[in-house]
PDB file of N, CA and C in Angstrom:
ATOM      1  N   MET A   1      49.050  44.784 -10.885  1.00  0.00           N
ATOM      2  CA  MET A   1      48.201  44.204 -10.545  1.00  0.00           C
ATOM      3  C   MET A   1      47.881  43.215 -10.882  1.00  0.00           C
ATOM      4  N   ARG A   2      47.570  41.784  -9.890  1.00  0.00           N
ATOM      5  CA  ARG A   2      47.414  40.906 -10.794  1.00  0.00           C
ATOM      6  C   ARG A   2      46.363  40.118  -9.652  1.00  0.00           C
ATOM      7  N   PHE A   3      45.234  39.553 -10.289  1.00  0.00           N
ATOM      8  CA  PHE A   3      44.269  38.921  -9.356  1.00  0.00           C
ATOM      9  C   PHE A   3      44.043  37.675  -9.808  1.00  0.00           C
ATOM     10  N   GLU A   4      44.009  36.653  -8.486  1.00  0.00           N
ATOM     11  CA  GLU A   4      43.650  35.383  -8.595  1.00  0.00           C
ATOM     12  C   GLU A   4      42.735  35.193  -7.919  1.00  0.00           C
ATOM     13  N   PHE A   5      41.547  33.912  -8.626  1.00  0.00           N
ATOM     14  CA  PHE A   5      40.238  33.696  -7.786  1.00  0.00           C
ATOM     15  C   PHE A   5      40.264  32.259  -8.336  1.00  0.00           C
ATOM     16  N   SER A   6      39.677  31.375  -7.726  1.00  0.00           N
ATOM     17  CA  SER A   6      38.909  30.021  -7.920  1.00  0.00           C
ATOM     18  C   SER A   6      37.330  29.977  -7.781  1.00  0.00           C
ATOM     19  N   LEU A   7      37.297  29.171  -8.986  1.00  0.00           N
ATOM     20  CA  LEU A   7      35.892  28.733  -9.174  1.00  0.00           C
ATOM     21  C   LEU A   7      35.060  27.962  -8.340  1.00  0.00           C
ATOM     22  N   LEU A   8      35.855  27.140  -6.961  1.00  0.00           N
ATOM     23  CA  LEU A   8      35.592  26.418  -6.349  1.00  0.00           C
ATOM     24  C   LEU A   8      34.341  26.806  -5.558  1.00  0.00           C
ATOM     25  N   PRO A   9      34.753  28.382  -4.534  1.00  0.00           N
ATOM     26  CA  PRO A   9      33.737  29.030  -3.588  1.00  0.00           C
ATOM     27  C   PRO A   9      32.431  28.845  -4.400  1.00  0.00           C
ATOM     28  N   LEU A  10      32.561  29.276  -5.991  1.00  0.00           N
ATOM     29  CA  LEU A  10      30.873  29.549  -6.382  1.00  0.00           C
ATOM     30  C   LEU A  10      30.486  28.112  -6.742  1.00  0.00           C
ATOM     31  N   ALA A  11      31.427  27.345  -7.376  1.00  0.00           N
ATOM     32  CA  ALA A  11      30.384  25.585  -7.037  1.00  0.00           C
ATOM     33  C   ALA A  11      30.026  24.966  -5.719  1.00  0.00           C
ATOM     34  N   LEU A  12      30.982  25.455  -4.907  1.00  0.00           N
ATOM     35  CA  LEU A  12      30.400  25.150  -3.811  1.00  0.00           C
ATOM     36  C   LEU A  12      29.004  25.324  -3.184  1.00  0.00           C
ATOM     37  N   ALA A  13      28.892  27.065  -3.392  1.00  0.00           N
ATOM     38  CA  ALA A  13      27.930  27.723  -3.209  1.00  0.00           C
ATOM     39  C   ALA A  13      26.281  27.356  -4.219  1.00  0.00           C
ATOM     40  N   LEU A  14      26.437  26.718  -5.360  1.00  0.00           N
ATOM     41  CA  LEU A  14      25.967  26.631  -6.240  1.00  0.00           C
ATOM     42  C   LEU A  14      25.443  25.006  -5.813  1.00  0.00           C
ATOM     43  N   THR A  15      26.368  24.258  -5.477  1.00  0.00           N
ATOM     44  CA  THR A  15      25.728  22.974  -4.969  1.00  0.00           C
ATOM     45  C   THR A  15      25.068  22.710  -3.641  1.00  0.00           C
ATOM     46  N   ALA A  16      25.331  23.530  -2.802  1.00  0.00           N
ATOM     47  CA  ALA A  16      24.785  23.869  -1.769  1.00  0.00           C
ATOM     48  C   ALA A  16      23.000  24.506  -1.973  1.00  0.00           C
ATOM     49  N   CYS A  17      22.765  25.463  -2.916  1.00  0.00           N
ATOM     50  CA  CYS A  17      21.534  25.958  -3.417  1.00  0.00           C
ATOM     51  C   CYS A  17      20.715  25.026  -4.274  1.00  0.00           C
ATOM     52  N   THR A  18      21.450  23.857  -4.893  1.00  0.00           N
ATOM     53  CA  THR A  18      20.785  23.094  -5.615  1.00  0.00           C
ATOM     54  C   THR A  18      19.732  22.219  -4.742  1.00  0.00           C
ATOM     55  N   PRO A  19      18.464  21.628  -4.962  1.00  0.00           N
ATOM     56  CA  PRO A  19      17.860  21.036  -4.242  1.00  0.00           C
ATOM     57  C   PRO A  19      17.901  19.671  -4.286  1.00  0.00           C
ATOM     58  N   PRO A  20      18.152  18.687  -3.334  1.00  0.00           N
ATOM     59  CA  PRO A  20      18.060  17.188  -3.581  1.00  0.00           C
ATOM     60  C   PRO A  20      17.225  16.484  -4.249  1.00  0.00           C
ATOM     61  N   ALA A  21      17.780  15.532  -4.997  1.00  0.00           N
ATOM     62  CA  ALA A  21      16.992  14.946  -6.062  1.00  0.00           C
ATOM     63  C   ALA A  21      16.076  14.423  -5.356  1.00  0.00           C
ATOM     64  N   ALA A  22      14.698  14.475  -5.830  1.00  0.00           N
ATOM     65  CA  ALA A  22      13.568  13.541  -5.090  1.00  0.00           C
ATOM     66  C   ALA A  22      13.440  12.030  -5.344  1.00  0.00           C
ATOM     67  N   GLU A  23      13.431  11.783  -4.228  1.00  0.00           N
ATOM     68  CA  GLU A  23      13.524   9.912  -3.853  1.00  0.00           C
ATOM     69  C   GLU A  23      12.383   9.279  -4.853  1.00  0.00           C
ATOM     70  N   PRO A  24      12.161   8.369  -5.509  1.00  0.00           N
ATOM     71  CA  PRO A  24      10.958   7.992  -5.712  1.00  0.00           C
ATOM     72  C   PRO A  24      10.200   7.266  -4.702  1.00  0.00           C
ATOM     73  N   GLU A  25       9.124   7.630  -4.979  1.00  0.00           N
ATOM     74  CA  GLU A  25       7.709   7.085  -4.247  1.00  0.00           C
ATOM     75  C   GLU A  25       7.671   5.423  -4.171  1.00  0.00           C
ATOM     76  N   GLN A  26       7.515   4.773  -2.992  1.00  0.00           N
ATOM     77  CA  GLN A  26       7.530   3.709  -2.944  1.00  0.00           C
ATOM     78  C   GLN A  26       6.071   3.308  -2.279  1.00  0.00           C
ATOM     79  N   PRO A  27       4.745   3.101  -3.408  1.00  0.00           N
ATOM     80  CA  PRO A  27       3.594   2.811  -2.692  1.00  0.00           C
ATOM     81  C   PRO A  27       3.728   1.614  -2.591  1.00  0.00           C
ATOM     82  N   ALA A  28       4.336   0.646  -3.054  1.00  0.00           N
ATOM     83  CA  ALA A  28       4.420  -0.642  -2.463  1.00  0.00           C
ATOM     84  C   ALA A  28       4.592  -0.981  -1.551  1.00  0.00           C
ATOM     85  N   ALA A  29       5.370  -0.584  -1.302  1.00  0.00           N
ATOM     86  CA  ALA A  29       6.174  -0.702   0.368  1.00  0.00           C
ATOM     87  C   ALA A  29       5.493   0.027   1.391  1.00  0.00           C
ATOM     88  N   GLN A  30       4.409   1.336   1.498  1.00  0.00           N
ATOM     89  CA  GLN A  30       3.651   1.311   2.120  1.00  0.00           C
ATOM     90  C   GLN A  30       2.252   0.841   2.182  1.00  0.00           C
ATOM     91  N   GLU A  31       1.816   0.209   1.193  1.00  0.00           N
ATOM     92  CA  GLU A  31       0.852  -0.913   1.089  1.00  0.00           C
ATOM     93  C   GLU A  31       1.320  -2.055   1.749  1.00  0.00           C
ATOM     94  N   ALA A  32       2.301  -2.441   1.693  1.00  0.00           N
ATOM     95  CA  ALA A  32       2.858  -3.650   2.834  1.00  0.00           C
ATOM     96  C   ALA A  32       2.846  -3.414   4.076  1.00  0.00           C
ATOM     97  N   ASP A  33       2.967  -2.499   4.345  1.00  0.00           N
ATOM     98  CA  ASP A  33       2.556  -1.831   6.238  1.00  0.00           C
ATOM     99  C   ASP A  33       1.532  -2.125   6.152  1.00  0.00           C
ATOM    100  N   ALA A  34       0.334  -1.973   5.706  1.00  0.00           N
ATOM    101  CA  ALA A  34      -1.301  -2.158   5.822  1.00  0.00           C
ATOM    102  C   ALA A  34      -1.382  -3.411   5.697  1.00  0.00           C
ATOM    103  N   PRO A  35      -2.797  -4.073   6.551  1.00  0.00           N
ATOM    104  CA  PRO A  35      -2.998  -5.716   6.505  1.00  0.00           C
ATOM    105  C   PRO A  35      -3.729  -5.381   5.410  1.00  0.00           C
ATOM    106  N   ALA A  36      -3.831  -6.531   4.645  1.00  0.00           N
ATOM    107  CA  ALA A  36      -4.830  -6.792   3.990  1.00  0.00           C
ATOM    108  C   ALA A  36      -6.143  -7.381   4.380  1.00  0.00           C
ATOM    109  N   ALA A  37      -7.540  -7.200   3.838  1.00  0.00           N
ATOM    110  CA  ALA A  37      -8.564  -8.051   4.457  1.00  0.00           C
ATOM    111  C   ALA A  37      -8.527  -8.542   5.946  1.00  0.00           C
ATOM    112  N   VAL A  38      -8.345  -8.110   7.494  1.00  0.00           N
ATOM    113  CA  VAL A  38      -8.573  -8.523   7.960  1.00  0.00           C
ATOM    114  C   VAL A  38      -9.696  -8.793   8.611  1.00  0.00           C
ATOM    115  N   GLN A  39     -10.065 -10.208   8.871  1.00  0.00           N
ATOM    116  CA  GLN A  39     -11.350 -10.403   9.722  1.00  0.00           C
ATOM    117  C   GLN A  39     -11.704 -10.920  10.798  1.00  0.00           C
ATOM    118  N   SER A  40     -12.550 -10.486  11.188  1.00  0.00           N
ATOM    119  CA  SER A  40     -12.720 -10.756  12.876  1.00  0.00           C
ATOM    120  C   SER A  40     -14.213 -11.004  13.205  1.00  0.00           C
ATOM    121  N   SER A  41     -15.162 -11.521  14.220  1.00  0.00           N
ATOM    122  CA  SER A  41     -16.051 -11.524  14.412  1.00  0.00           C
ATOM    123  C   SER A  41     -16.275 -10.940  16.328  1.00  0.00           C
ATOM    124  N   GLY A  42     -17.465 -10.944  16.551  1.00  0.00           N
ATOM    125  CA  GLY A  42     -18.091 -10.624  17.920  1.00  0.00           C
ATOM    126  C   GLY A  42     -19.211 -10.410  18.081  1.00  0.00           C
ATOM    127  N   THR A  43     -19.854  -9.926  18.919  1.00  0.00           N
ATOM    128  CA  THR A  43     -21.097  -9.919  19.467  1.00  0.00           C
ATOM    129  C   THR A  43     -21.471  -8.449  19.461  1.00  0.00           C
ATOM    130  N   VAL A  44     -22.672  -8.363  18.973  1.00  0.00           N
ATOM    131  CA  VAL A  44     -23.055  -6.746  18.603  1.00  0.00           C
ATOM    132  C   VAL A  44     -23.514  -6.452  20.100  1.00  0.00           C
ATOM    133  N   VAL A  45     -23.084  -5.075  20.625  1.00  0.00           N
ATOM    134  CA  VAL A  45     -24.154  -4.706  21.612  1.00  0.00           C
ATOM    135  C   VAL A  45     -24.564  -3.669  21.694  1.00  0.00           C
ATOM    136  N   ALA A  46     -24.416  -2.327  20.392  1.00  0.00           N
ATOM    137  CA  ALA A  46     -25.493  -1.520  19.783  1.00  0.00           C
ATOM    138  C   ALA A  46     -25.373  -1.190  18.399  1.00  0.00           C
ATOM    139  N   ILE A  47     -26.384  -0.524  18.078  1.00  0.00           N
ATOM    140  CA  ILE A  47     -26.071  -0.197  16.897  1.00  0.00           C
ATOM    141  C   ILE A  47     -26.517   1.543  16.714  1.00  0.00           C
ATOM    142  N   THR A  48     -25.956   2.134  16.323  1.00  0.00           N
ATOM    143  CA  THR A  48     -26.289   4.055  15.442  1.00  0.00           C
ATOM    144  C   THR A  48     -26.609   4.217  14.033  1.00  0.00           C
ATOM    145  N   PRO A  49     -27.254   3.285  13.832  1.00  0.00           N
ATOM    146  CA  PRO A  49     -27.595   3.838  12.111  1.00  0.00           C
ATOM    147  C   PRO A  49     -27.606   4.994  11.689  1.00  0.00           C
ATOM    148  N   GLU A  50     -27.528   6.050  12.287  1.00  0.00           N
ATOM    149  CA  GLU A  50     -27.905   7.407  11.909  1.00  0.00           C
ATOM    150  C   GLU A  50     -26.291   7.741  11.873  1.00  0.00           C
ATOM    151  N   TYR A  51     -25.650   7.189  11.969  1.00  0.00           N
ATOM    152  CA  TYR A  51     -23.874   7.382  12.212  1.00  0.00           C
ATOM    153  C   TYR A  51     -23.042   6.584  11.530  1.00  0.00           C
ATOM    154  N   SER A  52     -23.952   5.450  10.588  1.00  0.00           N
ATOM    155  CA  SER A  52     -23.328   4.018  10.172  1.00  0.00           C
ATOM    156  C   SER A  52     -22.637   3.238  11.322  1.00  0.00           C
ATOM    157  N   ALA A  53     -22.499   3.354  12.332  1.00  0.00           N
ATOM    158  CA  ALA A  53     -21.797   3.018  13.236  1.00  0.00           C
ATOM    159  C   ALA A  53     -22.499   1.785  14.242  1.00  0.00           C
ATOM    160  N   VAL A  54     -21.610   0.831  14.358  1.00  0.00           N
ATOM    161  CA  VAL A  54     -22.095  -0.365  15.284  1.00  0.00           C
ATOM    162  C   VAL A  54     -21.250  -0.883  16.292  1.00  0.00           C
ATOM    163  N   THR A  55     -21.425  -0.863  17.295  1.00  0.00           N
ATOM    164  CA  THR A  55     -20.659  -1.388  18.492  1.00  0.00           C
ATOM    165  C   THR A  55     -20.479  -3.005  18.634  1.00  0.00           C
ATOM    166  N   ILE A  56     -19.326  -3.500  18.917  1.00  0.00           N
ATOM    167  CA  ILE A  56     -19.353  -4.847  18.725  1.00  0.00           C
ATOM    168  C   ILE A  56     -18.034  -5.659  19.906  1.00  0.00           C
ATOM    169  N   ARG A  57     -18.439  -6.353  20.784  1.00  0.00           N
ATOM    170  CA  ARG A  57     -17.373  -6.809  21.706  1.00  0.00           C
ATOM    171  C   ARG A  57     -17.005  -7.836  20.864  1.00  0.00           C
ATOM    172  N   HIS A  58     -15.751  -7.834  20.345  1.00  0.00           N
ATOM    173  CA  HIS A  58     -14.971  -8.779  19.354  1.00  0.00           C
ATOM    174  C   HIS A  58     -13.822  -9.107  19.789  1.00  0.00           C
ATOM    175  N   GLU A  59     -13.592 -10.591  19.152  1.00  0.00           N
ATOM    176  CA  GLU A  59     -12.182 -11.056  19.581  1.00  0.00           C
ATOM    177  C   GLU A  59     -11.160 -10.696  19.369  1.00  0.00           C
ATOM    178  N   ALA A  60      -9.470 -10.667  20.054  1.00  0.00           N
ATOM    179  CA  ALA A  60      -8.526 -10.193  19.691  1.00  0.00           C
ATOM    180  C   ALA A  60      -8.390  -9.636  18.092  1.00  0.00           C
ATOM    181  N   ILE A  61      -7.447  -8.571  17.937  1.00  0.00           N
ATOM    182  CA  ILE A  61      -7.018  -8.545  16.457  1.00  0.00           C
ATOM    183  C   ILE A  61      -5.754  -8.218  16.104  1.00  0.00           C
ATOM    184  N   PRO A  62      -5.057  -8.876  16.398  1.00  0.00           N
ATOM    185  CA  PRO A  62      -3.643  -8.718  16.305  1.00  0.00           C
ATOM    186  C   PRO A  62      -2.989  -8.174  15.052  1.00  0.00           C
ATOM    187  N   GLU A  63      -3.814  -8.169  14.128  1.00  0.00           N
ATOM    188  CA  GLU A  63      -3.462  -6.922  13.090  1.00  0.00           C
ATOM    189  C   GLU A  63      -2.915  -5.857  12.929  1.00  0.00           C
ATOM    190  N   TYR A  64      -3.856  -5.040  14.029  1.00  0.00           N
ATOM    191  CA  TYR A  64      -4.065  -3.704  14.420  1.00  0.00           C
ATOM    192  C   TYR A  64      -4.024  -3.506  16.099  1.00  0.00           C
ATOM    193  N   GLY A  65      -3.022  -4.704  16.517  1.00  0.00           N
ATOM    194  CA  GLY A  65      -2.498  -4.830  18.153  1.00  0.00           C
ATOM    195  C   GLY A  65      -3.677  -4.457  18.969  1.00  0.00           C
ATOM    196  N   MET A  66      -5.043  -5.344  18.688  1.00  0.00           N
ATOM    197  CA  MET A  66      -6.074  -4.816  19.423  1.00  0.00           C
ATOM    198  C   MET A  66      -6.464  -6.460  20.350  1.00  0.00           C
ATOM    199  N   GLU A  67      -6.547  -6.149  21.645  1.00  0.00           N
ATOM    200  CA  GLU A  67      -7.252  -7.083  22.479  1.00  0.00           C
ATOM    201  C   GLU A  67      -8.682  -7.397  22.695  1.00  0.00           C
ATOM    202  N   ALA A  68      -9.325  -8.410  22.531  1.00  0.00           N
ATOM    203  CA  ALA A  68     -10.520  -8.472  22.194  1.00  0.00           C
ATOM    204  C   ALA A  68     -11.043  -7.422  23.378  1.00  0.00           C
ATOM    205  N   MET A  69     -11.960  -6.394  22.919  1.00  0.00           N
ATOM    206  CA  MET A  69     -13.020  -5.536  23.820  1.00  0.00           C
ATOM    207  C   MET A  69     -14.102  -5.507  22.964  1.00  0.00           C
ATOM    208  N   THR A  70     -14.528  -3.986  23.687  1.00  0.00           N
ATOM    209  CA  THR A  70     -15.950  -3.901  22.714  1.00  0.00           C
ATOM    210  C   THR A  70     -15.157  -2.533  22.216  1.00  0.00           C
ATOM    211  N   MET A  71     -15.989  -2.304  21.283  1.00  0.00           N
ATOM    212  CA  MET A  71     -15.596  -0.544  20.661  1.00  0.00           C
ATOM    213  C   MET A  71     -16.771  -0.382  19.499  1.00  0.00           C
ATOM    214  N   GLU A  72     -16.445   0.672  19.008  1.00  0.00           N
ATOM    215  CA  GLU A  72     -17.576   1.173  18.101  1.00  0.00           C
ATOM    216  C   GLU A  72     -16.948   1.495  16.606  1.00  0.00           C
ATOM    217  N   PHE A  73     -17.583   0.442  15.207  1.00  0.00           N
ATOM    218  CA  PHE A  73     -16.931   0.755  14.196  1.00  0.00           C
ATOM    219  C   PHE A  73     -17.856   1.490  13.398  1.00  0.00           C
ATOM    220  N   THR A  74     -16.979   2.052  12.105  1.00  0.00           N
ATOM    221  CA  THR A  74     -18.402   2.716  11.331  1.00  0.00           C
ATOM    222  C   THR A  74     -18.031   1.638   9.950  1.00  0.00           C
ATOM    223  N   VAL A  75     -19.263   1.458   9.372  1.00  0.00           N
ATOM    224  CA  VAL A  75     -19.419   0.913   8.234  1.00  0.00           C
ATOM    225  C   VAL A  75     -19.757   1.547   6.844  1.00  0.00           C
ATOM    226  N   ALA A  76     -18.811   1.082   6.404  1.00  0.00           N
ATOM    227  CA  ALA A  76     -18.863   1.426   4.759  1.00  0.00           C
ATOM    228  C   ALA A  76     -20.148   2.480   4.169  1.00  0.00           C
ATOM    229  N   GLU A  77     -21.062   0.982   4.399  1.00  0.00           N
ATOM    230  CA  GLU A  77     -22.774   1.509   4.055  1.00  0.00           C
ATOM    231  C   GLU A  77     -23.220   1.245   4.816  1.00  0.00           C
ATOM    232  N   GLY A  78     -23.834   2.423   5.425  1.00  0.00           N
ATOM    233  CA  GLY A  78     -25.375   1.967   6.554  1.00  0.00           C
ATOM    234  C   GLY A  78     -25.804   1.000   6.335  1.00  0.00           C
ATOM    235  N   SER A  79     -26.587   0.893   5.113  1.00  0.00           N
ATOM    236  CA  SER A  79     -27.495  -0.229   4.718  1.00  0.00           C
ATOM    237  C   SER A  79     -26.648  -1.763   4.861  1.00  0.00           C
ATOM    238  N   GLN A  80     -25.906  -1.859   5.351  1.00  0.00           N
ATOM    239  CA  GLN A  80     -24.992  -3.193   5.805  1.00  0.00           C
ATOM    240  C   GLN A  80     -25.899  -3.348   7.052  1.00  0.00           C
ATOM    241  N   LEU A  81     -25.955  -2.505   7.905  1.00  0.00           N
ATOM    242  CA  LEU A  81     -26.635  -2.847   9.083  1.00  0.00           C
ATOM    243  C   LEU A  81     -27.927  -3.488   9.247  1.00  0.00           C
ATOM    244  N   ALA A  82     -28.684  -3.640   7.680  1.00  0.00           N
ATOM    245  CA  ALA A  82     -30.536  -3.983   7.854  1.00  0.00           C
ATOM    246  C   ALA A  82     -30.046  -5.396   8.602  1.00  0.00           C
ATOM    247  N   GLY A  83     -30.915  -5.580   9.169  1.00  0.00           N
ATOM    248  CA  GLY A  83     -31.431  -6.825   9.817  1.00  0.00           C
ATOM    249  C   GLY A  83     -30.518  -7.534  10.742  1.00  0.00           C
ATOM    250  N   ILE A  84     -29.764  -6.515  11.064  1.00  0.00           N
ATOM    251  CA  ILE A  84     -28.523  -6.854  12.366  1.00  0.00           C
ATOM    252  C   ILE A  84     -29.521  -6.361  13.372  1.00  0.00           C
ATOM    253  N   GLU A  85     -29.166  -7.415  14.746  1.00  0.00           N
ATOM    254  CA  GLU A  85     -29.711  -6.556  16.104  1.00  0.00           C
ATOM    255  C   GLU A  85     -28.506  -6.659  16.992  1.00  0.00           C
ATOM    256  N   VAL A  86     -29.359  -5.948  18.051  1.00  0.00           N
ATOM    257  CA  VAL A  86     -28.357  -6.511  19.436  1.00  0.00           C
ATOM    258  C   VAL A  86     -28.293  -7.390  19.608  1.00  0.00           C
ATOM    259  N   GLY A  87     -27.004  -8.404  20.357  1.00  0.00           N
ATOM    260  CA  GLY A  87     -27.163 -10.036  20.460  1.00  0.00           C
ATOM    261  C   GLY A  87     -26.682 -10.590  19.170  1.00  0.00           C
ATOM    262  N   ASP A  88     -26.354 -10.309  18.032  1.00  0.00           N
ATOM    263  CA  ASP A  88     -26.194 -10.835  17.206  1.00  0.00           C
ATOM    264  C   ASP A  88     -24.693 -11.479  17.114  1.00  0.00           C
ATOM    265  N   HIS A  89     -24.257 -12.440  16.933  1.00  0.00           N
ATOM    266  CA  HIS A  89     -23.019 -12.688  16.257  1.00  0.00           C
ATOM    267  C   HIS A  89     -22.402 -12.539  15.342  1.00  0.00           C
ATOM    268  N   VAL A  90     -21.625 -11.791  15.090  1.00  0.00           N
ATOM    269  CA  VAL A  90     -21.350 -11.302  13.473  1.00  0.00           C
ATOM    270  C   VAL A  90     -20.292 -11.691  13.252  1.00  0.00           C
ATOM    271  N   SER A  91     -19.724 -11.788  11.805  1.00  0.00           N
ATOM    272  CA  SER A  91     -18.162 -11.493  11.228  1.00  0.00           C
ATOM    273  C   SER A  91     -18.160 -10.414  10.658  1.00  0.00           C
ATOM    274  N   PHE A  92     -16.935  -9.657  10.065  1.00  0.00           N
ATOM    275  CA  PHE A  92     -16.685  -8.525   9.790  1.00  0.00           C
ATOM    276  C   PHE A  92     -15.095  -8.937   9.161  1.00  0.00           C
ATOM    277  N   GLU A  93     -14.999  -7.755   8.018  1.00  0.00           N
ATOM    278  CA  GLU A  93     -13.685  -7.337   7.570  1.00  0.00           C
ATOM    279  C   GLU A  93     -13.607  -6.266   7.867  1.00  0.00           C
ATOM    280  N   LEU A  94     -12.310  -5.669   7.859  1.00  0.00           N
ATOM    281  CA  LEU A  94     -11.941  -4.534   8.567  1.00  0.00           C
ATOM    282  C   LEU A  94     -10.991  -4.359   7.403  1.00  0.00           C
ATOM    283  N   SER A  95     -11.349  -2.477   6.792  1.00  0.00           N
ATOM    284  CA  SER A  95     -10.565  -1.690   5.694  1.00  0.00           C
ATOM    285  C   SER A  95      -9.491  -0.768   6.743  1.00  0.00           C
ATOM    286  N   GLY A  96      -9.919  -0.764   8.276  1.00  0.00           N
ATOM    287  CA  GLY A  96      -8.418   0.137   8.788  1.00  0.00           C
ATOM    288  C   GLY A  96      -9.195  -0.223  10.393  1.00  0.00           C
ATOM    289  N   PRO A  97      -8.481  -0.156  11.589  1.00  0.00           N
ATOM    290  CA  PRO A  97      -8.752  -0.475  12.766  1.00  0.00           C
ATOM    291  C   PRO A  97      -9.737   0.046  13.491  1.00  0.00           C
ATOM    292  N   LEU A  98     -10.741   1.030  12.713  1.00  0.00           N
ATOM    293  CA  LEU A  98     -12.359   1.381  13.022  1.00  0.00           C
ATOM    294  C   LEU A  98     -13.277   1.152  11.762  1.00  0.00           C
ATOM    295  N   ASP A  99     -12.995   0.937  10.787  1.00  0.00           N
ATOM    296  CA  ASP A  99     -13.765   0.745   9.685  1.00  0.00           C
ATOM    297  C   ASP A  99     -13.810  -0.646   9.185  1.00  0.00           C
ATOM    298  N   ILE A 100     -15.625  -1.120   9.365  1.00  0.00           N
ATOM    299  CA  ILE A 100     -15.633  -2.578   8.610  1.00  0.00           C
ATOM    300  C   ILE A 100     -16.036  -2.028   7.446  1.00  0.00           C
ATOM    301  N   ARG A 101     -15.426  -2.713   6.694  1.00  0.00           N
ATOM    302  CA  ARG A 101     -15.719  -2.855   4.547  1.00  0.00           C
ATOM    303  C   ARG A 101     -16.854  -3.462   4.876  1.00  0.00           C
ATOM    304  N   THR A 102     -17.130  -5.056   5.411  1.00  0.00           N
ATOM    305  CA  THR A 102     -18.363  -5.996   5.102  1.00  0.00           C
ATOM    306  C   THR A 102     -18.631  -5.915   6.869  1.00  0.00           C
ATOM    307  N   ILE A 103     -19.949  -6.658   6.965  1.00  0.00           N
ATOM    308  CA  ILE A 103     -20.108  -7.140   7.743  1.00  0.00           C
ATOM    309  C   ILE A 103     -21.201  -8.213   7.585  1.00  0.00           C
ATOM    310  N   ALA A 104     -21.567  -9.669   8.507  1.00  0.00           N
ATOM    311  CA  ALA A 104     -22.493 -10.570   8.342  1.00  0.00           C
ATOM    312  C   ALA A 104     -23.159 -11.323   9.089  1.00  0.00           C
ATOM    313  N   LYS A 105     -24.450 -10.829   9.398  1.00  0.00           N
ATOM    314  CA  LYS A 105     -24.698 -12.122  10.770  1.00  0.00           C
ATOM    315  C   LYS A 105     -24.325 -13.073  10.493  1.00  0.00           C
ATOM    316  N   THR A 106     -23.709 -13.866  11.636  1.00  0.00           N
ATOM    317  CA  THR A 106     -23.685 -14.935  11.530  1.00  0.00           C
ATOM    318  C   THR A 106     -24.273 -16.514  12.748  1.00  0.00           C
ATOM    319  N   ALA A 107     -25.021 -15.851  13.715  1.00  0.00           N
ATOM    320  CA  ALA A 107     -26.293 -16.019  14.302  1.00  0.00           C
ATOM    321  C   ALA A 107     -26.868 -15.126  14.711  1.00  0.00           C
ATOM    322  N   ARG A 108     -28.024 -15.511  15.416  1.00  0.00           N
ATOM    323  CA  ARG A 108     -29.426 -14.989  15.862  1.00  0.00           C
ATOM    324  C   ARG A 108     -29.265 -14.604  17.116  1.00  0.00           C
ATOM    325  N   ALA A 109     -29.524 -13.525  17.340  1.00  0.00           N
ATOM    326  CA  ALA A 109     -29.948 -13.185  18.915  1.00  0.00           C
ATOM    327  C   ALA A 109     -30.543 -13.688  19.624  1.00  0.00           C
ATOM    328  N   GLY A 110     -30.776 -14.051  20.847  1.00  0.00           N
ATOM    329  CA  GLY A 110     -31.684 -14.879  21.640  1.00  0.00           C
ATOM    330  C   GLY A 110     -31.041 -15.902  22.152  1.00  0.00           C
TER     331      GLY A 110
END
């Protein structure tokens, strides 16, 4: 009696169980997709200091696909809202579509 066998099925089975090689991370490509330092301006409509938020009627922000509109943003530091009043014209830098990194009054309300 003679037994013949092939190692090919075993090799294929082991290959199927081997996890695929991890692809290298590409943080530079991901960062390239996010806009850097997006600037905009608008008029303050409301201030909600207890939430570190300000509502601004702003110009179009094409980097985030936004038309001119009125919307609420949060500020990185609530103290940035000190001295800003409803009706003030402000310029601001976004760190995300709803987050203001810095805000500065450019014209007094009135």
